[in-house]
N, C-alpha and C. Protein backbone atom coordinates (compact mmCIF):
# COMPACT_ATOMS: atom_id res chain seq x y z
N MET A 1 150.09 23.39 239.57
CA MET A 1 151.27 22.61 238.68
C MET A 1 151.39 23.25 237.21
N ALA A 2 153.08 23.45 236.37
CA ALA A 2 152.90 23.64 235.38
C ALA A 2 152.59 22.11 234.26
N LYS A 3 152.36 22.63 233.57
CA LYS A 3 152.04 21.37 232.59
C LYS A 3 153.51 20.80 231.73
N LYS A 4 153.53 19.93 231.82
CA LYS A 4 155.00 19.26 230.79
C LYS A 4 154.78 19.42 229.49
N TYR A 5 155.92 20.67 229.42
CA TYR A 5 156.19 20.05 227.80
C TYR A 5 156.85 18.69 227.58
N PHE A 6 155.99 18.08 225.93
CA PHE A 6 157.02 17.27 225.41
C PHE A 6 156.98 17.89 223.51
N SER A 7 158.36 17.68 223.66
CA SER A 7 158.79 17.73 222.01
C SER A 7 158.62 16.78 221.15
N MET A 8 158.26 17.39 219.62
CA MET A 8 157.90 16.27 218.93
C MET A 8 158.96 15.35 218.91
N ASN A 9 160.23 15.75 218.82
CA ASN A 9 161.86 14.62 218.71
C ASN A 9 161.21 13.86 220.00
N GLU A 10 160.78 13.98 220.87
CA GLU A 10 160.62 12.87 221.86
C GLU A 10 160.12 11.86 221.91
N VAL A 11 159.06 11.74 220.31
CA VAL A 11 158.13 10.65 220.00
C VAL A 11 159.14 9.20 220.22
N PRO A 12 158.57 8.60 220.97
CA PRO A 12 159.31 7.02 220.74
C PRO A 12 159.21 6.08 219.51
N VAL A 13 160.27 5.82 218.83
CA VAL A 13 160.35 5.35 217.57
C VAL A 13 159.34 4.06 217.99
N GLY A 14 158.76 3.21 217.23
CA GLY A 14 157.62 2.49 217.18
C GLY A 14 156.32 2.91 217.34
N THR A 15 156.00 4.09 217.57
CA THR A 15 154.48 4.90 217.80
C THR A 15 154.23 4.83 216.92
N SER A 16 152.77 4.57 216.53
CA SER A 16 151.69 5.12 215.55
C SER A 16 151.11 6.06 215.11
N MET A 17 151.56 6.30 214.21
CA MET A 17 150.77 7.45 213.66
C MET A 17 149.32 7.10 212.45
N ILE A 18 149.06 8.41 211.75
CA ILE A 18 147.54 8.26 211.16
C ILE A 18 148.20 9.69 209.79
N VAL A 19 148.25 9.07 208.64
CA VAL A 19 148.66 10.37 207.91
C VAL A 19 147.12 11.07 207.69
N ARG A 20 147.18 12.19 207.49
CA ARG A 20 146.35 13.08 207.97
C ARG A 20 145.59 13.32 206.18
N GLU A 21 145.88 13.05 205.50
CA GLU A 21 146.26 12.99 204.13
C GLU A 21 144.72 11.85 203.64
N SER A 22 145.71 10.46 204.10
CA SER A 22 144.97 8.93 203.31
C SER A 22 144.45 8.56 204.11
N GLY A 23 144.69 8.50 205.49
CA GLY A 23 144.07 8.41 206.66
C GLY A 23 145.07 7.07 206.75
N GLU A 24 146.11 6.26 205.98
CA GLU A 24 146.87 5.01 206.25
C GLU A 24 147.93 5.16 207.60
N LYS A 25 147.63 4.67 208.22
CA LYS A 25 148.43 3.79 209.28
C LYS A 25 149.93 3.87 209.48
N VAL A 26 150.77 4.30 209.70
CA VAL A 26 152.38 4.17 209.84
C VAL A 26 152.79 3.71 211.21
N LYS A 27 154.05 3.69 210.98
CA LYS A 27 154.60 2.98 212.16
C LYS A 27 155.98 4.04 212.16
N LEU A 28 156.45 4.79 212.97
CA LEU A 28 158.02 5.65 213.03
C LEU A 28 158.73 4.90 213.63
N ILE A 29 160.09 5.44 212.32
CA ILE A 29 160.94 4.49 212.46
C ILE A 29 162.43 5.33 212.56
N GLU A 30 162.08 6.81 212.02
CA GLU A 30 163.03 7.26 212.66
C GLU A 30 163.01 8.77 212.75
N ILE A 31 163.47 9.84 213.29
CA ILE A 31 163.27 11.29 213.67
C ILE A 31 164.33 12.05 213.08
N HIS A 32 163.96 13.31 211.92
CA HIS A 32 165.23 14.16 211.41
C HIS A 32 164.74 14.89 211.77
N ASN A 33 166.01 16.00 212.16
CA ASN A 33 166.05 17.92 212.57
C ASN A 33 165.81 18.38 212.05
N PHE A 34 165.07 19.77 212.43
CA PHE A 34 165.60 20.94 211.57
C PHE A 34 165.70 20.79 209.70
N PRO A 35 163.77 20.52 209.55
CA PRO A 35 162.59 20.79 210.12
C PRO A 35 162.44 19.77 210.75
N THR A 36 161.87 19.39 211.49
CA THR A 36 161.67 17.92 212.24
C THR A 36 160.58 17.11 211.41
N THR A 37 160.66 15.71 210.38
CA THR A 37 160.36 14.94 209.85
C THR A 37 159.98 13.69 210.84
N PHE A 38 159.46 13.11 210.21
CA PHE A 38 159.47 11.57 210.83
C PHE A 38 159.30 10.66 209.45
N LYS A 39 160.24 9.42 209.74
CA LYS A 39 160.48 8.70 208.81
C LYS A 39 159.61 7.63 209.60
N THR A 40 158.80 7.22 208.35
CA THR A 40 157.85 6.57 208.59
C THR A 40 158.00 4.72 207.78
N LYS A 41 157.39 3.77 208.14
CA LYS A 41 156.86 2.48 207.34
C LYS A 41 155.58 2.25 207.39
N SER A 42 154.78 2.10 206.20
CA SER A 42 153.42 1.73 206.14
C SER A 42 153.43 0.32 206.61
N GLU A 43 151.81 0.14 206.54
CA GLU A 43 151.46 -1.93 206.95
C GLU A 43 152.31 -2.72 205.26
N ALA A 44 152.41 -1.71 204.16
CA ALA A 44 152.85 -2.22 203.10
C ALA A 44 154.65 -2.45 203.09
N GLY A 45 155.15 -1.72 204.37
CA GLY A 45 156.11 -1.74 204.25
C GLY A 45 157.20 -0.46 203.53
N ILE A 46 156.75 0.41 203.15
CA ILE A 46 156.90 1.70 202.71
C ILE A 46 157.09 2.36 202.96
N GLU A 47 158.36 3.14 202.94
CA GLU A 47 158.82 4.15 203.79
C GLU A 47 158.84 5.23 203.03
N LYS A 48 158.42 5.93 204.09
CA LYS A 48 158.29 7.71 203.77
C LYS A 48 158.55 8.42 204.72
N GLU A 49 158.51 9.71 204.57
CA GLU A 49 158.60 10.73 205.33
C GLU A 49 157.40 12.01 205.51
N TYR A 50 157.27 12.52 206.69
CA TYR A 50 156.16 13.02 206.65
C TYR A 50 156.87 14.67 207.64
N PHE A 51 155.98 15.94 207.69
CA PHE A 51 156.12 16.96 208.73
C PHE A 51 155.26 16.27 209.63
N THR A 52 155.83 17.10 210.74
CA THR A 52 154.67 16.58 211.91
C THR A 52 153.36 17.03 211.85
N TYR A 53 153.48 18.17 211.30
CA TYR A 53 152.01 18.24 211.02
C TYR A 53 151.35 17.46 210.36
N GLN A 54 151.40 16.33 209.37
CA GLN A 54 151.02 15.90 208.08
C GLN A 54 150.57 14.59 208.98
N VAL A 55 150.79 14.34 210.22
CA VAL A 55 150.58 12.93 210.61
C VAL A 55 149.34 13.37 212.30
N ASP A 56 148.75 12.46 212.16
CA ASP A 56 148.31 12.47 213.98
C ASP A 56 148.75 11.52 214.80
N ILE A 57 149.46 11.45 215.95
CA ILE A 57 150.56 10.77 216.65
C ILE A 57 149.65 9.83 217.66
N LEU A 58 149.17 8.74 217.41
CA LEU A 58 148.02 7.84 218.20
C LEU A 58 149.09 8.10 219.71
N ASP A 59 147.98 8.17 220.73
CA ASP A 59 148.96 7.72 222.33
C ASP A 59 150.13 8.36 222.74
N TRP A 60 150.45 9.73 222.04
CA TRP A 60 151.03 11.40 222.74
C TRP A 60 150.68 11.90 222.65
N PRO A 61 151.04 13.15 223.62
CA PRO A 61 151.95 12.76 224.21
C PRO A 61 151.44 11.74 225.83
N PRO A 62 152.52 11.30 226.66
CA PRO A 62 151.87 10.51 227.79
C PRO A 62 150.83 11.06 228.53
N LYS A 63 149.92 10.30 229.22
CA LYS A 63 148.56 11.04 229.97
C LYS A 63 149.09 11.74 231.08
N ASP A 64 150.08 10.96 231.93
CA ASP A 64 150.44 10.99 233.28
C ASP A 64 151.89 11.84 233.03
């Protein structure tokens, strides 16, 4: 059976991520397309945008 493909545009709002450069934990608040970027909010309340390759998405894609 073929593996299901998950698009970066399908990551649910509220998903936790780790910024690769700083190790900071952030939450996804919005997805922008072309190119795909994630608008995030840090635990300190600071909003910032990251490209998909700049973050590690926690618990994504779903295992089943």
